Amino acid sequence: MRVPEDMAVASATISGDSRIDLLLGGHDHDTLRRFAGDTDSTAGNAEQGLKVTEVEQAGMLPDTEGDIRLIKSGTDWRGLSLARLVVQRDEKGAVVGSRVKLRQYTDIQAAIAEPQPSTHVVETLQGIHNRVGKLVQKPLLHSAVPLDGRNHTNRCQETNMGNMLADAIRAFYDTDIGFFNSGAIRSDRILEATMADGEPLLVRDIINICPFSNGILVKELPGSIIRLALENSVSDMHTDGRFLQVSRLRVVASWHRPEWSRVVDVLFERPDGSLEPLEPDRTYTVTMPSFIAQGYDGFSWFAGLQTIIEEEAAMTDIGLLLAIFGHGELPDEDVHAAGIERARAATVVGLSPVDSLPIVRPVVEDRIRFVERGCVEFSE
């Protein structure tokens, strides 16, 4: 309401059962207050008959208290009102009187000096920044081929980076199948091959791939749900991150078919490399990031199905990648040591003869094949 309407309400509710002790008004973009008995309905006046410019000092109105009936607090995060309602009660606990103590800012930035940070805090933060800066600059691995982390490719087709990630998480838990939702791949660039010039990829480069630190979970899924998940993977117009990069599956699909019937064929790759049809009634163990395991991005069926590895006990995606490539060696008795070795065997092809850093060489191998060539653009 505007000030005239606020004043009318304040006057009509000054006593009796309908009494309102205080109105906090809006709509007008002015800082003001009105006491009981005031009649000034001009929004630009801070008090009865006084303009804001006549009483404002250093971004504030003078502190006041009493039977204040209306408060307005400006706009655009410039104004602020701090009101304290002080009440009196009778012997039965009923409120028999009240007054308001009020401090108002017309320009809080002008009124409050910018606080000076603690020297100790500044020094502590600077030390942390320096250590983190050195950490993320450490050399981590080499790639014999460019790694495709671009959003527009990962969200509509198989990529070598997607294959590497799906293989790593599947091997870590030694499950039947691995899913890695493309929305969890965030680098949005091609990481160029490093073997030619000898400059390795850094810790920072790997963190940029999976910055969310998603937990890696294991679910038991029937083949029928896996096929539904693959349909969901190709159901949108490839603008979000639901497209799945896969491990131990061979999928044939068509973007030109209607949604929920785009998957033409699904084969499961056995540990010996042989292929067999995905069985609708068979239960498979599937490794996946916690985001889709919880049902997001349209994978609503996952949330209610059996979880073998819960998030509390899970390794994170970035934690696994750093461990695979040897950043921070784990003790032999670490519970994840065997899984890390499996994931390392699935992703690392050797060590650099120059600096002994691990080398990766992931490839695209028709795990996901579309009847059409390339990504299809859809109009809305």
Protein backbone atom coordinates (compact mmCIF):
# COMPACT_ATOMS: atom_id res chain seq x y z
CA MET A 1 0.00 0.00 0.00
CA ARG A 2 0.98 3.62 -0.42
CA VAL A 3 1.40 5.94 2.58
CA PRO A 4 -2.20 7.28 2.51
CA GLU A 5 -3.60 3.73 2.66
CA ASP A 6 -1.13 2.80 5.42
CA MET A 7 -2.18 5.85 7.43
CA ALA A 8 -5.85 4.97 7.01
CA VAL A 9 -5.26 1.42 8.29
CA ALA A 10 -3.19 2.72 11.21
CA SER A 11 -5.96 5.14 12.20
CA ALA A 12 -8.67 2.49 11.93
CA THR A 13 -6.80 -0.01 14.12
CA ILE A 14 -5.56 2.24 16.92
CA SER A 15 -7.66 0.68 19.70
CA GLY A 16 -10.05 -2.09 20.59
CA ASP A 17 -9.99 -5.73 19.55
CA SER A 18 -8.78 -4.79 16.07
CA ARG A 19 -5.75 -2.82 17.36
CA ILE A 20 -2.55 -3.26 15.36
CA ASP A 21 0.54 -2.12 17.24
CA LEU A 22 2.80 -1.59 14.23
CA LEU A 23 2.54 -1.53 10.45
CA LEU A 24 5.62 -2.38 8.39
CA GLY A 25 4.78 -0.83 5.03
CA GLY A 26 6.14 -1.34 1.56
CA HIS A 27 5.59 -0.22 -2.03
CA ASP A 28 6.80 3.37 -1.49
CA HIS A 29 10.57 3.60 -1.93
CA ASP A 30 11.12 5.97 0.97
CA THR A 31 12.40 5.65 4.53
CA LEU A 32 9.87 7.11 6.97
CA ARG A 33 7.99 6.70 10.25
CA ARG A 34 4.66 7.97 11.60
CA PHE A 35 3.51 8.24 15.21
CA ALA A 36 0.00 7.93 16.60
CA GLY A 37 -1.88 11.10 15.71
CA ASP A 38 0.27 11.96 12.70
CA THR A 39 -1.64 12.92 9.57
CA ASP A 40 1.16 13.50 7.04
CA SER A 41 0.67 11.11 4.10
CA THR A 42 3.50 12.45 1.94
CA ALA A 43 5.86 9.60 1.09
CA GLY A 44 8.89 11.89 0.79
CA ASN A 45 8.55 13.12 4.36
CA ALA A 46 10.52 11.17 6.95
CA GLU A 47 8.37 12.46 9.81
CA GLN A 48 5.30 14.62 10.27
CA GLY A 49 5.98 17.70 8.12
CA LEU A 50 9.71 17.01 7.69
CA LYS A 51 11.38 15.92 4.47
CA VAL A 52 14.01 13.21 4.55
CA THR A 53 16.65 15.74 3.47
CA GLU A 54 15.80 17.95 6.46
CA VAL A 55 16.51 15.33 9.11
CA GLU A 56 18.90 12.89 7.43
CA GLN A 57 22.51 12.88 8.60
CA ALA A 58 25.25 10.60 7.25
CA GLY A 59 22.77 8.15 5.78
CA MET A 60 20.61 7.93 8.93
CA LEU A 61 17.47 9.38 10.44
CA PRO A 62 17.69 10.38 14.12
CA ASP A 63 16.98 7.51 16.53
CA THR A 64 13.54 7.76 18.06
CA GLU A 65 11.01 5.89 20.17
CA GLY A 66 7.38 6.12 21.21
CA ASP A 67 3.97 5.16 19.89
CA ILE A 68 5.17 4.60 16.33
CA ARG A 69 2.38 3.24 14.14
CA LEU A 70 4.01 3.00 10.67
CA ILE A 71 7.52 2.20 9.43
CA LYS A 72 8.77 2.09 5.83
CA SER A 73 12.33 1.13 4.98
CA GLY A 74 13.25 2.40 1.50
CA THR A 75 14.36 0.15 -1.35
CA ASP A 76 17.21 -1.40 -3.34
CA TRP A 77 19.04 -2.56 -0.20
CA ARG A 78 19.89 1.07 0.59
CA GLY A 79 17.48 1.61 3.45
CA LEU A 80 17.15 -0.43 6.64
CA SER A 81 14.97 -0.16 9.74
CA LEU A 82 15.84 -1.72 13.09
CA ALA A 83 12.69 -1.72 15.22
CA ARG A 84 12.29 -3.05 18.75
CA LEU A 85 8.75 -3.47 20.02
CA VAL A 86 8.69 -3.03 23.81
CA VAL A 87 5.49 -4.31 25.47
CA GLN A 88 3.95 -4.02 28.92
CA ARG A 89 1.70 -6.69 30.39
CA ASP A 90 -0.90 -6.71 33.16
CA GLU A 91 -1.11 -9.26 35.97
CA LYS A 92 -2.89 -11.69 33.62
CA GLY A 93 -0.17 -11.47 30.97
CA ALA A 94 -2.23 -9.44 28.53
CA VAL A 95 -0.49 -6.67 26.60
CA VAL A 96 -1.72 -3.31 27.88
CA GLY A 97 0.75 -0.99 26.21
CA SER A 98 3.64 -0.86 23.81
CA ARG A 99 6.20 1.46 22.35
CA VAL A 100 8.74 1.15 19.55
CA LYS A 101 12.45 1.93 19.66
CA LEU A 102 13.59 2.72 16.13
CA ARG A 103 16.83 3.23 14.20
CA GLN A 104 16.57 3.88 10.46
CA TYR A 105 19.15 4.05 7.69
CA THR A 106 18.38 5.87 4.45
CA ASP A 107 21.71 4.76 2.94
CA ILE A 108 23.31 1.98 4.92
CA GLN A 109 26.51 2.04 2.86
CA ALA A 110 27.04 5.70 3.67
CA ALA A 111 26.13 5.26 7.33
CA ILE A 112 28.30 2.30 8.21
CA ALA A 113 32.03 2.47 7.67
CA GLU A 114 33.51 -0.52 5.89
CA PRO A 115 34.96 -2.76 8.60
CA GLN A 116 38.70 -3.21 8.66
CA PRO A 117 39.59 -6.91 8.45
CA SER A 118 41.61 -8.50 11.21
CA THR A 119 45.30 -8.67 10.36
CA HIS A 120 45.40 -12.20 11.73
CA VAL A 121 42.48 -13.28 9.52
CA VAL A 122 44.04 -11.68 6.44
CA GLU A 123 47.36 -13.43 7.07
CA THR A 124 45.64 -16.77 7.69
CA LEU A 125 43.58 -16.55 4.50
CA GLN A 126 46.60 -15.49 2.48
CA GLY A 127 48.51 -18.51 3.75
CA ILE A 128 45.64 -20.81 2.79
CA HIS A 129 45.40 -19.23 -0.67
CA ASN A 130 49.13 -19.67 -1.19
CA ARG A 131 49.04 -23.34 -0.20
CA VAL A 132 45.99 -24.08 -2.35
CA GLY A 133 47.57 -22.21 -5.25
CA LYS A 134 50.68 -24.38 -5.06
CA LEU A 135 48.60 -27.54 -4.66
CA VAL A 136 46.49 -27.06 -7.80
CA GLN A 137 49.56 -26.23 -9.88
CA LYS A 138 51.19 -29.59 -9.21
CA PRO A 139 51.75 -31.82 -12.29
CA LEU A 140 49.45 -34.84 -12.20
CA LEU A 141 49.28 -36.82 -15.46
CA HIS A 142 49.79 -36.91 -19.22
CA SER A 143 47.26 -37.61 -21.94
CA ALA A 144 48.37 -39.16 -25.20
CA VAL A 145 45.23 -37.83 -26.90
CA PRO A 146 43.07 -34.70 -26.57
CA LEU A 147 40.42 -35.15 -23.85
CA ASP A 148 37.01 -33.88 -24.95
CA GLY A 149 35.31 -32.17 -22.00
CA ARG A 150 33.11 -29.84 -24.04
CA ASN A 151 29.52 -29.52 -22.83
CA HIS A 152 27.94 -29.64 -26.27
CA THR A 153 29.59 -32.95 -27.16
CA ASN A 154 29.32 -34.68 -23.79
CA ARG A 155 25.62 -33.89 -23.59
CA CYS A 156 24.66 -35.63 -26.82
CA GLN A 157 27.27 -38.25 -27.71
CA GLU A 158 29.95 -40.59 -26.44
CA THR A 159 33.28 -38.87 -25.69
CA ASN A 160 36.66 -40.18 -24.66
CA MET A 161 36.57 -38.18 -21.44
CA GLY A 162 33.13 -39.58 -20.65
CA ASN A 163 34.37 -43.12 -21.31
CA MET A 164 37.35 -42.59 -19.01
CA LEU A 165 35.16 -41.34 -16.17
CA ALA A 166 32.54 -44.08 -16.57
CA ASP A 167 35.25 -46.76 -16.71
CA ALA A 168 37.00 -45.35 -13.65
CA ILE A 169 33.98 -45.36 -11.36
CA ARG A 170 32.75 -48.77 -12.60
CA ALA A 171 36.15 -50.38 -12.07
CA PHE A 172 36.55 -48.78 -8.65
CA TYR A 173 33.55 -50.67 -7.26
CA ASP A 174 33.89 -53.59 -9.72
CA THR A 175 30.25 -53.39 -10.78
CA ASP A 176 28.52 -54.65 -13.90
CA ILE A 177 27.84 -51.21 -15.41
CA GLY A 178 28.98 -47.61 -14.98
CA PHE A 179 26.92 -44.46 -15.60
CA PHE A 180 28.39 -40.95 -15.55
CA ASN A 181 25.93 -38.13 -16.19
CA SER A 182 27.38 -35.53 -18.54
CA GLY A 183 26.18 -32.68 -16.33
CA ALA A 184 28.87 -33.67 -13.84
CA ILE A 185 31.58 -33.01 -16.46
CA ARG A 186 32.27 -29.30 -16.14
CA SER A 187 35.55 -28.43 -17.85
CA ASP A 188 33.77 -27.41 -21.10
CA ARG A 189 36.95 -27.52 -23.15
CA ILE A 190 39.31 -29.87 -24.88
CA LEU A 191 42.37 -30.71 -22.81
CA GLU A 192 45.08 -31.00 -25.42
CA ALA A 193 47.41 -33.99 -25.60
CA THR A 194 50.51 -33.44 -23.48
CA MET A 195 52.94 -36.06 -24.73
CA ALA A 196 54.36 -33.92 -27.56
CA ASP A 197 55.64 -31.01 -25.48
CA GLY A 198 55.99 -32.80 -22.17
CA GLU A 199 53.88 -30.29 -20.19
CA PRO A 200 51.58 -32.42 -18.01
CA LEU A 201 48.03 -31.77 -16.93
CA LEU A 202 47.80 -30.22 -13.48
CA VAL A 203 45.72 -30.96 -10.39
CA ARG A 204 43.69 -27.87 -11.33
CA ASP A 205 42.78 -29.35 -14.72
CA ILE A 206 41.34 -32.48 -13.12
CA ILE A 207 39.45 -30.56 -10.43
CA ASN A 208 37.88 -28.47 -13.19
CA ILE A 209 36.50 -31.65 -14.77
CA CYS A 210 34.57 -32.72 -11.64
CA PRO A 211 34.39 -29.71 -9.31
CA PHE A 212 31.24 -30.78 -7.44
CA SER A 213 32.86 -33.67 -5.55
CA ASN A 214 29.88 -35.97 -6.15
CA GLY A 215 29.77 -39.17 -4.15
CA ILE A 216 30.01 -42.33 -6.25
CA LEU A 217 27.22 -44.76 -5.30
CA VAL A 218 26.29 -48.31 -6.28
CA LYS A 219 22.71 -49.33 -7.03
CA GLU A 220 21.04 -52.60 -7.97
CA LEU A 221 18.91 -52.00 -11.07
CA PRO A 222 16.82 -54.38 -13.16
CA GLY A 223 17.54 -54.32 -16.88
CA SER A 224 14.14 -52.75 -17.53
CA ILE A 225 15.06 -49.71 -15.40
CA ILE A 226 18.47 -49.46 -17.06
CA ARG A 227 16.74 -49.23 -20.43
CA LEU A 228 14.38 -46.56 -19.07
CA ALA A 229 17.41 -44.65 -17.80
CA LEU A 230 18.95 -44.80 -21.26
CA GLU A 231 15.70 -43.49 -22.75
CA ASN A 232 15.79 -40.63 -20.25
CA SER A 233 19.39 -40.02 -21.25
CA VAL A 234 18.31 -39.21 -24.81
CA SER A 235 14.89 -37.76 -24.03
CA ASP A 236 15.68 -34.06 -23.84
CA MET A 237 16.99 -31.66 -26.46
CA HIS A 238 20.51 -32.19 -25.09
CA THR A 239 20.66 -28.90 -23.21
CA ASP A 240 20.87 -30.32 -19.70
CA GLY A 241 23.21 -32.89 -18.24
CA ARG A 242 21.15 -36.09 -18.23
CA PHE A 243 22.95 -37.68 -21.18
CA LEU A 244 24.80 -40.71 -19.81
CA GLN A 245 28.35 -41.72 -20.58
CA VAL A 246 28.47 -45.50 -20.07
CA SER A 247 30.80 -48.35 -19.22
CA ARG A 248 30.14 -52.01 -20.16
CA LEU A 249 27.13 -51.18 -22.35
CA ARG A 250 26.63 -50.86 -26.10
CA VAL A 251 23.68 -48.63 -27.00
CA VAL A 252 22.11 -47.92 -30.40
CA ALA A 253 19.64 -45.01 -30.55
CA SER A 254 17.99 -42.57 -32.93
CA TRP A 255 17.37 -38.88 -32.27
CA HIS A 256 14.66 -38.90 -34.96
CA ARG A 257 12.41 -41.36 -33.13
CA PRO A 258 9.81 -40.13 -30.60
CA GLU A 259 10.97 -39.60 -27.03
CA TRP A 260 10.90 -42.76 -24.87
CA SER A 261 11.33 -44.92 -27.95
CA ARG A 262 14.70 -43.64 -29.14
CA VAL A 263 16.75 -46.54 -27.79
CA VAL A 264 16.92 -49.14 -30.55
CA ASP A 265 19.13 -51.75 -28.90
CA VAL A 266 21.14 -52.30 -25.69
CA LEU A 267 23.88 -54.88 -25.24
CA PHE A 268 25.68 -55.71 -22.01
CA GLU A 269 29.42 -56.30 -22.21
CA ARG A 270 30.52 -59.24 -20.10
CA PRO A 271 33.88 -59.12 -18.25
CA ASP A 272 35.45 -61.25 -21.00
CA GLY A 273 34.42 -58.68 -23.63
CA SER A 274 31.62 -60.70 -25.19
CA LEU A 275 28.25 -59.03 -25.73
CA GLU A 276 24.76 -60.19 -24.82
CA PRO A 277 21.33 -58.53 -24.84
CA LEU A 278 20.44 -56.55 -21.72
CA GLU A 279 17.94 -58.72 -19.84
CA PRO A 280 14.89 -56.79 -18.54
CA ASP A 281 14.38 -59.05 -15.50
CA ARG A 282 18.01 -59.47 -14.51
CA THR A 283 19.44 -57.33 -11.70
CA TYR A 284 22.70 -55.52 -12.49
CA THR A 285 25.02 -53.59 -10.19
CA VAL A 286 25.50 -50.05 -11.46
CA THR A 287 27.95 -47.38 -10.29
CA MET A 288 26.80 -43.77 -10.69
CA PRO A 289 27.23 -40.26 -9.22
CA SER A 290 25.02 -39.47 -6.24
CA PHE A 291 23.19 -36.72 -8.15
CA ILE A 292 21.42 -39.15 -10.46
CA ALA A 293 21.29 -41.91 -7.82
CA GLN A 294 19.05 -39.56 -5.83
CA GLY A 295 16.67 -39.25 -8.79
CA TYR A 296 17.64 -35.89 -10.27
CA ASP A 297 17.77 -35.06 -14.01
CA GLY A 298 14.75 -37.27 -14.62
CA PHE A 299 16.20 -40.49 -13.16
CA SER A 300 13.38 -40.71 -10.62
CA TRP A 301 13.34 -44.53 -10.58
CA PHE A 302 16.83 -44.69 -9.07
CA ALA A 303 15.97 -43.09 -5.73
CA GLY A 304 13.73 -45.90 -4.50
CA LEU A 305 15.86 -48.84 -5.61
CA GLN A 306 18.36 -50.81 -3.55
CA THR A 307 21.58 -48.96 -2.73
CA ILE A 308 24.67 -51.09 -2.10
CA ILE A 309 27.15 -48.26 -1.46
CA GLU A 310 25.57 -45.29 0.36
CA GLU A 311 26.88 -41.74 0.12
CA GLU A 312 28.29 -41.83 3.66
CA ALA A 313 30.74 -44.57 2.66
CA ALA A 314 31.31 -43.40 -0.90
CA MET A 315 34.43 -42.14 -2.61
CA THR A 316 33.90 -38.87 -4.50
CA ASP A 317 34.51 -38.49 -8.22
CA ILE A 318 37.32 -35.97 -7.83
CA GLY A 319 38.79 -37.90 -4.91
CA LEU A 320 38.92 -41.01 -7.08
CA LEU A 321 40.55 -39.21 -10.02
CA LEU A 322 43.23 -37.68 -7.81
CA ALA A 323 43.89 -41.06 -6.19
CA ILE A 324 44.10 -42.84 -9.56
CA PHE A 325 46.73 -40.42 -10.78
CA GLY A 326 48.75 -40.68 -7.59
CA HIS A 327 48.02 -37.37 -5.89
CA GLY A 328 48.44 -38.17 -2.18
CA GLU A 329 49.43 -41.81 -1.89
CA LEU A 330 47.13 -44.00 0.20
CA PRO A 331 48.43 -46.41 2.83
CA ASP A 332 48.32 -50.08 1.86
CA GLU A 333 45.62 -50.81 4.42
CA ASP A 334 43.29 -48.11 3.11
CA VAL A 335 39.83 -49.55 2.45
CA HIS A 336 39.79 -48.03 -1.03
CA ALA A 337 43.24 -49.24 -2.11
CA ALA A 338 42.03 -52.26 -4.11
CA GLY A 339 39.34 -50.21 -5.86
CA ILE A 340 41.81 -47.50 -6.77
CA GLU A 341 44.12 -50.09 -8.31
CA ARG A 342 41.23 -51.46 -10.40
CA ALA A 343 40.29 -47.94 -11.54
CA ARG A 344 43.93 -47.19 -12.32
CA ALA A 345 44.20 -50.34 -14.43
CA ALA A 346 41.06 -49.29 -16.35
CA THR A 347 42.32 -45.79 -17.16
CA VAL A 348 46.13 -45.57 -17.05
CA VAL A 349 48.09 -47.05 -19.97
CA GLY A 350 51.63 -46.41 -18.74
CA LEU A 351 54.08 -43.95 -17.18
CA SER A 352 55.89 -41.11 -18.87
CA PRO A 353 59.58 -41.88 -19.49
CA VAL A 354 60.34 -38.21 -18.79
CA ASP A 355 58.71 -37.56 -15.41
CA SER A 356 57.09 -40.92 -14.47
CA LEU A 357 53.62 -39.40 -14.37
CA PRO A 358 50.72 -41.66 -15.45
CA ILE A 359 49.50 -41.55 -19.05
CA VAL A 360 45.89 -41.91 -20.20
CA ARG A 361 44.69 -42.65 -23.73
CA PRO A 362 40.88 -42.99 -23.68
CA VAL A 363 39.11 -43.55 -26.99
CA VAL A 364 35.63 -43.39 -28.46
CA GLU A 365 34.62 -46.95 -29.33
CA ASP A 366 30.94 -46.89 -30.36
CA ARG A 367 29.56 -47.56 -26.90
CA ILE A 368 26.77 -45.16 -27.85
CA ARG A 369 25.94 -45.19 -31.53
CA PHE A 370 23.25 -43.14 -33.22
CA VAL A 371 21.60 -44.07 -36.46
CA GLU A 372 22.20 -40.45 -37.54
CA ARG A 373 25.69 -39.03 -37.64
CA GLY A 374 26.49 -36.29 -35.12
CA CYS A 375 24.20 -34.42 -32.75
CA VAL A 376 20.79 -33.44 -34.06
CA GLU A 377 19.56 -29.92 -33.35
CA PHE A 378 15.90 -29.60 -32.42
CA SER A 379 13.70 -26.52 -32.63
CA GLU A 380 11.33 -25.83 -29.77
